[in-house]
Protein backbone atom coordinates (compact mmCIF):
# COMPACT_ATOMS: atom_id res chain seq x y z
CA MET A 1 0.00 0.00 0.00
CA SER A 2 1.42 3.39 -0.96
CA PHE A 3 2.04 6.22 1.49
CA LEU A 4 -0.76 8.24 -0.15
CA SER A 5 -3.23 5.39 0.34
CA LYS A 6 -2.23 4.97 3.97
CA THR A 7 -2.64 8.69 4.60
CA ARG A 8 -6.04 8.70 2.91
CA ASN A 9 -7.20 5.73 4.99
CA LYS A 10 -6.09 7.45 8.19
CA PHE A 11 -7.94 10.59 7.17
CA ARG A 12 -11.03 8.52 6.47
CA GLY A 13 -10.84 7.15 10.01
CA ILE A 14 -11.31 10.63 11.50
CA THR A 15 -14.96 11.28 12.29
CA ASP A 16 -16.59 14.54 11.20
CA THR A 17 -17.07 15.51 14.84
CA ASN A 18 -13.39 15.06 15.72
CA LEU A 19 -12.25 16.76 12.51
CA LEU A 20 -14.35 19.89 13.07
CA THR A 21 -13.40 20.03 16.77
CA SER A 22 -9.71 19.78 15.90
CA ILE A 23 -10.05 22.60 13.36
CA THR A 24 -11.72 24.82 15.99
CA ILE A 25 -9.00 24.18 18.57
CA VAL A 26 -6.23 24.83 16.04
CA VAL A 27 -7.87 28.09 14.89
CA PHE A 28 -8.21 29.28 18.51
CA VAL A 29 -4.58 28.47 19.33
CA VAL A 30 -3.34 30.20 16.16
CA MET A 31 -5.43 33.32 16.88
CA TYR A 32 -4.17 33.46 20.48
CA LEU A 33 -0.54 33.09 19.37
CA CYS A 34 -1.03 35.84 16.81
CA ALA A 35 -2.53 38.06 19.52
CA VAL A 36 0.48 37.44 21.75
CA ILE A 37 2.96 38.15 18.93
CA PHE A 38 1.34 41.21 17.36
CA LEU A 39 -0.67 42.81 20.19
CA GLY A 40 1.78 42.68 23.08
CA GLU A 41 2.31 40.76 26.27
CA GLY A 42 -1.14 41.50 27.69
CA PHE A 43 -2.34 38.23 26.20
CA LEU A 44 0.49 36.40 27.98
CA LYS A 45 -1.10 37.11 31.35
CA ALA A 46 -3.12 34.18 32.59
CA GLN A 47 -5.74 36.60 33.90
CA THR A 48 -6.53 37.69 30.34
CA PHE A 49 -7.59 34.12 29.57
CA PHE A 50 -9.41 33.81 32.90
CA ASN A 51 -11.27 37.08 32.25
CA MET A 52 -12.59 35.61 29.01
CA LEU A 53 -13.87 32.64 31.00
CA ASN A 54 -15.37 34.89 33.69
CA ALA A 55 -17.22 37.03 31.15
CA ASN A 56 -18.50 34.07 29.11
CA ALA A 57 -19.26 31.38 31.72
CA ALA A 58 -23.00 31.79 31.17
CA LEU A 59 -22.59 31.66 27.39
CA ILE A 60 -20.61 28.41 27.71
CA ILE A 61 -23.53 26.82 29.55
CA LEU A 62 -26.12 28.17 27.09
CA SER A 63 -24.02 26.97 24.16
CA CYS A 64 -23.78 23.46 25.61
CA GLY A 65 -27.57 23.26 25.65
CA MET A 66 -27.77 24.76 22.18
CA SER A 67 -25.25 22.25 20.83
CA LEU A 68 -27.25 19.36 22.25
CA VAL A 69 -30.44 20.53 20.53
CA MET A 70 -28.56 21.18 17.27
CA ILE A 71 -26.99 17.70 17.39
CA THR A 72 -30.52 16.25 17.35
CA GLY A 73 -31.36 18.42 14.34
CA GLY A 74 -33.27 21.16 16.17
CA ILE A 75 -32.62 24.66 17.49
CA ASP A 76 -33.59 26.76 20.51
CA ILE A 77 -33.58 30.55 20.20
CA SER A 78 -35.34 31.16 23.54
CA VAL A 79 -32.23 30.76 25.73
CA GLY A 80 -31.43 34.50 25.78
CA GLY A 81 -34.96 35.39 26.84
CA VAL A 82 -34.93 32.69 29.53
CA THR A 83 -31.62 34.08 30.84
CA ALA A 84 -33.09 37.58 31.12
CA LEU A 85 -36.25 36.24 32.82
CA VAL A 86 -34.20 34.22 35.32
CA SER A 87 -32.06 37.27 36.15
CA MET A 88 -35.06 39.51 36.71
CA CYS A 89 -37.05 36.98 38.75
CA CYS A 90 -34.07 36.20 40.97
CA ALA A 91 -33.30 39.91 41.42
CA VAL A 92 -36.91 40.72 42.41
CA PHE A 93 -37.07 37.71 44.73
CA LEU A 94 -33.84 38.67 46.52
CA ASP A 95 -34.36 42.43 46.79
CA HIS A 96 -38.13 42.96 46.91
CA HIS A 97 -39.26 39.84 48.74
CA GLY A 98 -36.37 39.25 51.13
CA GLY A 99 -35.42 35.95 49.49
CA ASN A 100 -32.23 33.94 49.84
CA VAL A 101 -29.72 32.54 47.39
CA PHE A 102 -30.98 28.96 47.65
CA GLY A 103 -34.51 30.05 46.81
CA SER A 104 -33.28 32.06 43.81
CA ILE A 105 -31.40 29.01 42.52
CA LEU A 106 -34.61 26.97 42.72
CA ILE A 107 -36.45 29.73 40.82
CA ALA A 108 -33.80 29.70 38.07
CA LEU A 109 -33.94 25.92 37.71
CA GLY A 110 -37.75 25.96 37.76
CA ILE A 111 -38.02 28.59 35.02
CA GLY A 112 -35.52 26.81 32.78
CA LEU A 113 -37.14 23.41 33.34
CA ALA A 114 -40.63 24.80 32.63
CA PHE A 115 -39.52 26.25 29.29
CA GLY A 116 -37.73 23.04 28.40
CA LEU A 117 -40.73 20.84 29.20
CA VAL A 118 -43.27 22.95 27.29
CA GLN A 119 -41.11 23.57 24.25
CA GLY A 120 -39.85 19.99 24.19
CA TYR A 121 -43.40 18.63 24.24
CA LEU A 122 -44.54 20.93 21.44
CA VAL A 123 -41.54 20.06 19.26
CA ALA A 124 -41.30 16.33 19.94
CA TYR A 125 -44.87 15.16 20.41
CA LEU A 126 -46.89 17.74 18.46
CA ASP A 127 -44.27 17.88 15.69
CA ILE A 128 -44.15 21.69 15.52
CA GLN A 129 -41.05 23.26 14.01
CA PRO A 130 -38.50 24.00 16.77
CA PHE A 131 -37.70 27.43 15.35
CA ILE A 132 -41.35 28.54 15.62
CA VAL A 133 -41.80 27.06 19.10
CA THR A 134 -38.65 28.57 20.55
CA LEU A 135 -39.28 31.90 18.78
CA ALA A 136 -42.58 32.07 20.66
CA GLY A 137 -40.71 31.08 23.82
CA MET A 138 -38.23 33.90 23.31
CA PHE A 139 -40.98 36.51 22.90
CA PHE A 140 -42.84 35.13 25.91
CA ALA A 141 -39.73 35.20 28.10
CA ARG A 142 -38.85 38.75 27.10
CA GLY A 143 -42.41 39.91 27.69
CA MET A 144 -42.59 38.21 31.10
CA THR A 145 -39.30 39.85 32.08
CA THR A 146 -40.84 43.28 31.55
CA ILE A 147 -44.00 42.29 33.43
CA VAL A 148 -42.00 41.09 36.45
CA ASN A 149 -40.21 44.44 36.66
CA THR A 150 -39.86 47.27 34.19
CA ASN A 151 -36.89 49.17 35.60
CA PRO A 152 -33.35 47.74 35.78
CA PHE A 153 -31.76 47.66 39.25
CA ASN A 154 -28.76 46.26 41.09
CA VAL A 155 -29.26 43.64 43.77
CA ALA A 156 -28.26 44.71 47.30
CA ASN A 157 -28.97 41.41 49.09
CA GLU A 158 -25.90 40.84 51.31
CA GLU A 159 -25.87 37.06 50.93
CA PHE A 160 -26.01 37.30 47.15
CA VAL A 161 -23.43 40.11 46.96
CA ALA A 162 -21.03 37.99 49.02
CA LEU A 163 -21.55 35.09 46.61
CA LYS A 164 -21.18 37.34 43.56
CA ASP A 165 -17.91 38.83 44.86
CA THR A 166 -16.37 35.45 45.69
CA ARG A 167 -13.17 34.85 43.76
CA ILE A 168 -11.29 31.57 43.43
CA VAL A 169 -7.55 32.29 43.42
CA ILE A 170 -5.41 30.29 40.98
CA PRO A 171 -2.02 29.84 42.68
CA GLY A 172 1.11 30.58 40.69
CA MET A 173 -0.76 32.27 37.83
CA GLY A 174 -0.67 35.89 39.04
CA TRP A 175 1.46 38.80 37.81
CA TYR A 176 3.22 41.94 39.06
CA ASN A 177 1.54 45.24 38.27
CA LYS A 178 3.34 48.50 37.41
CA ALA A 179 3.72 49.32 41.11
CA GLY A 180 5.55 46.04 41.65
CA LYS A 181 2.71 44.48 43.64
CA TYR A 182 1.83 40.85 43.04
CA VAL A 183 -1.77 40.38 41.86
CA ASP A 184 -3.41 36.97 42.19
CA ALA A 185 -5.11 35.42 39.18
CA TYR A 186 -8.69 34.41 39.85
CA ILE A 187 -11.86 32.99 38.37
CA GLU A 188 -15.48 33.42 39.40
CA ILE A 189 -17.74 30.68 40.73
CA GLY A 190 -19.65 30.70 37.45
CA VAL A 191 -16.56 29.40 35.63
CA ILE A 192 -16.45 26.33 37.89
CA VAL A 193 -20.14 25.71 37.18
CA ALA A 194 -19.58 26.09 33.43
CA LEU A 195 -16.62 23.68 33.38
CA ILE A 196 -18.60 21.11 35.38
CA VAL A 197 -21.45 21.37 32.85
CA VAL A 198 -18.97 20.93 29.97
CA ALA A 199 -17.44 17.85 31.62
CA ILE A 200 -20.82 16.23 32.33
CA MET A 201 -22.16 16.95 28.85
CA PHE A 202 -18.98 15.70 27.18
CA PHE A 203 -19.06 12.46 29.16
CA ALA A 204 -22.79 11.91 28.58
CA LEU A 205 -22.61 12.46 24.81
CA LYS A 206 -19.47 10.39 24.30
CA TRP A 207 -19.90 7.41 26.62
CA THR A 208 -23.59 6.86 27.29
CA LYS A 209 -26.29 5.20 25.22
CA SER A 210 -28.53 8.27 25.53
CA GLY A 211 -25.72 10.43 24.19
CA ARG A 212 -25.33 8.22 21.14
CA ASN A 213 -29.09 8.41 20.62
CA PHE A 214 -28.87 12.20 20.21
CA TYR A 215 -26.35 11.76 17.39
CA ALA A 216 -28.42 8.98 15.80
CA VAL A 217 -31.58 11.12 15.73
CA GLY A 218 -29.73 14.11 14.29
CA GLY A 219 -27.92 12.01 11.71
CA ASN A 220 -30.92 10.16 10.30
CA GLN A 221 -34.27 9.86 12.06
CA GLN A 222 -35.47 6.93 9.96
CA SER A 223 -32.31 4.94 10.64
CA ALA A 224 -32.59 5.79 14.33
CA LEU A 225 -36.17 4.46 14.38
CA MET A 226 -35.05 1.24 12.71
CA LEU A 227 -32.37 0.86 15.38
CA GLY A 228 -35.01 1.09 18.08
CA VAL A 229 -34.29 4.66 19.22
CA ASN A 230 -37.28 6.54 20.61
CA VAL A 231 -36.94 9.63 18.41
CA LYS A 232 -39.69 11.68 20.03
CA ARG A 233 -38.43 11.07 23.55
CA THR A 234 -34.85 11.89 22.49
CA LYS A 235 -35.95 15.22 20.99
CA PHE A 236 -38.03 15.96 24.09
CA VAL A 237 -35.12 15.24 26.43
CA SER A 238 -32.76 17.42 24.39
CA HIS A 239 -35.06 20.43 24.76
CA VAL A 240 -35.62 19.74 28.47
CA ILE A 241 -31.87 19.64 29.08
CA CYS A 242 -31.40 22.80 27.00
CA GLY A 243 -34.07 24.57 29.04
CA LEU A 244 -32.51 23.41 32.31
CA LEU A 245 -29.09 24.61 31.18
CA ALA A 246 -30.66 27.94 30.20
CA GLY A 247 -31.89 28.23 33.79
CA ILE A 248 -28.44 27.40 35.16
CA GLY A 249 -26.79 29.73 32.66
CA GLY A 250 -29.29 32.44 33.60
CA PHE A 251 -28.29 32.24 37.26
CA VAL A 252 -24.57 32.23 36.39
CA TYR A 253 -25.19 35.31 34.23
CA PHE A 254 -27.08 36.87 37.14
CA MET A 255 -24.13 36.19 39.47
CA HIS A 256 -21.81 37.90 37.01
CA VAL A 257 -23.83 41.07 36.40
CA GLY A 258 -25.57 41.29 39.80
CA SER A 259 -28.67 43.00 38.46
CA GLY A 260 -32.01 42.51 36.79
CA ALA A 261 -32.95 44.18 33.48
CA ALA A 262 -35.19 43.41 30.53
CA SER A 263 -32.26 44.05 28.17
CA HIS A 264 -30.02 41.43 29.78
CA ALA A 265 -28.57 38.66 27.57
CA SER A 266 -29.66 40.46 24.41
CA GLY A 267 -28.45 38.41 21.47
CA ALA A 268 -27.24 35.56 23.70
CA GLU A 269 -29.14 33.01 21.61
CA MET A 270 -27.34 34.17 18.45
CA ASN A 271 -23.97 34.01 20.20
CA ALA A 272 -24.80 30.51 21.44
CA ILE A 273 -25.66 29.37 17.90
CA ALA A 274 -22.50 31.00 16.51
CA SER A 275 -20.36 29.37 19.22
CA SER A 276 -21.86 25.97 18.49
CA ILE A 277 -21.26 26.29 14.74
CA ILE A 278 -17.71 27.55 15.21
CA GLY A 279 -17.22 24.68 17.68
CA GLY A 280 -18.07 22.15 14.98
CA THR A 281 -21.78 21.50 15.58
CA MET A 282 -23.57 21.20 12.26
CA LEU A 283 -26.97 22.77 11.65
CA THR A 284 -28.05 19.62 9.83
CA GLY A 285 -27.60 17.58 13.02
CA GLY A 286 -25.69 14.44 13.91
CA VAL A 287 -22.30 16.15 14.33
CA GLY A 288 -21.00 18.11 17.31
CA ASN A 289 -18.70 18.10 20.30
CA ILE A 290 -19.00 19.93 23.62
CA ILE A 291 -15.25 20.56 23.81
CA GLY A 292 -15.50 22.19 20.40
CA THR A 293 -18.38 24.32 21.68
CA LEU A 294 -16.21 25.47 24.61
CA PHE A 295 -13.50 26.57 22.19
CA GLY A 296 -16.16 28.15 19.98
CA VAL A 297 -17.21 30.40 22.87
CA MET A 298 -13.59 31.19 23.68
CA SER A 299 -12.93 32.02 20.02
CA LEU A 300 -15.75 34.60 20.06
CA ALA A 301 -14.38 36.05 23.30
CA LEU A 302 -10.88 36.20 21.84
CA ILE A 303 -12.15 37.98 18.73
CA GLN A 304 -13.80 40.62 20.93
CA ASN A 305 -10.55 41.11 22.88
CA ILE A 306 -8.45 41.34 19.71
CA VAL A 307 -10.79 43.84 18.06
CA SER A 308 -10.80 45.94 21.24
CA SER A 309 -7.00 45.78 21.55
CA VAL A 310 -6.59 46.95 17.96
CA GLY A 311 -8.61 50.04 18.87
CA LEU A 312 -11.79 49.22 16.99
CA ASP A 313 -14.14 49.66 19.93
CA GLU A 314 -17.26 50.13 17.81
CA ALA A 315 -19.63 47.18 18.22
CA TRP A 316 -20.05 46.61 14.50
CA TRP A 317 -16.37 45.68 14.03
CA THR A 318 -16.81 42.78 16.43
CA GLY A 319 -19.98 41.76 14.60
CA ILE A 320 -18.26 41.91 11.20
CA THR A 321 -15.33 39.82 12.45
CA ILE A 322 -17.61 37.20 14.00
CA ALA A 323 -19.68 37.07 10.81
CA ALA A 324 -16.54 36.45 8.75
CA MET A 325 -15.41 33.70 11.11
CA LEU A 326 -18.88 32.14 11.07
CA CYS A 327 -18.89 32.10 7.26
CA LEU A 328 -15.46 30.46 7.30
CA PHE A 329 -16.65 27.63 9.51
CA LEU A 330 -19.83 27.18 7.47
CA VAL A 331 -17.64 26.74 4.40
CA ILE A 332 -15.52 24.21 6.30
CA GLN A 333 -18.68 22.32 7.29
CA SER A 334 -19.78 22.27 3.63
CA ILE A 335 -16.41 20.80 2.69
CA VAL A 336 -16.82 18.15 5.40
CA ILE A 337 -20.28 17.24 4.08
CA SER A 338 -18.85 16.93 0.56
CA ARG A 339 -16.06 14.77 1.95
CA LYS A 340 -18.59 12.48 3.59
CA LYS A 341 -20.59 12.13 0.35
CA ASN A 342 -17.45 11.41 -1.68
CA GLN A 343 -16.29 8.90 0.92
CA LYS A 344 -19.61 7.04 0.76
CA ALA A 345 -19.50 7.04 -3.03
CA GLU A 346 -15.96 5.63 -3.03
CA GLU A 347 -16.93 2.95 -0.51
CA ALA A 348 -19.93 1.99 -2.65
CA MET A 349 -17.73 1.76 -5.75
CA GLU A 350 -15.15 -0.33 -3.90
CA ALA A 351 -17.88 -2.64 -2.62
CA SER A 352 -19.39 -3.12 -6.07
CA ALA A 353 -16.07 -3.55 -7.91
CA PRO A 354 -14.96 -7.23 -8.29
CA THR A 355 -11.80 -8.21 -6.48
CA ALA A 356 -8.75 -9.66 -8.25
CA THR A 357 -9.54 -13.12 -6.90
CA GLU A 358 -13.10 -12.97 -8.23
CA GLU A 359 -11.84 -11.85 -11.65
CA LYS A 360 -9.37 -14.74 -11.74
CA GLU A 361 -12.05 -17.27 -10.78
CA ASN A 362 -14.37 -15.88 -13.44
CA GLY A 363 -11.58 -16.14 -16.01
CA ASP A 364 -10.86 -19.76 -15.06
CA LYS A 365 -14.51 -20.65 -15.41
CA LYS A 366 -14.67 -19.08 -18.87
CA SER A 367 -11.53 -20.97 -20.00
CA ASP A 368 -13.02 -24.26 -18.79
């Protein structure tokens, strides 16, 4: 076998999910190295990386839920509205009704679970398009946020403020400021929550039967049915989990901003979709990886930091850059789909072509 054939066979052995995830990680590393080389040593500080995690912990959680739904072939554009509703309800509960942190966590989980159950039932069992269902959910959540409280306000509850201001110091990762004082590197509690969610989701999708069912349903529903997969239940569960993660992400977002406002998490659903696509999750379903989604979120955060460091502080520059990156990854996904089709065609041709032994036997029979 020639070297070219061996290389092609190895390339064939790489799954679409692993290929797209690898591309995302490589692109992130290259962008970060370029930022370090061309934009100064600020990107060498560990805290710069940790700040990206602190600012995007909630988006990581939302994107994990979004990726799960997209893997099954659906979509959920209500997560931003749910995040805003969770923030406002928790803020009102803590400040206006003398609530506690534990009660606000239960409220966040309850809101997310309620949206997941209703939307999952409508999509899975009534067979309504997920875009329409979750669009209605987004409008409902935004409207309910305004009904709960119209005016934005900061939460003054002492228990919550203490939780919000908690910092987890990362030993050995600090730096010396201009005054020569050592500053500890830190992360917020929300980052720990986000990384736990990523770990659980990654394990569940990769090593459990239910996780494989999500991929089967997104890849081909008819094949999944023939394999005995309960397609409706799988779709329902994906939306329930997405709703629950939206509730968790909403509370993490609330811990980061410390306030309630109807405008909170504006555009979060679009950022979650973009992060999932950049992370290697395909809109057609059946392909995706939570680690890729994590790097998709970090890639968006890095783009924002790079654009800001260059001096282009206007919001549209960030939007233009993200749009260009999104188009790039959509093109890559199209190439991957073409690769899969070509691979299947080659396999079919190889299967139908007679082997050398068969040709020899046929020739012997003819000579006899």
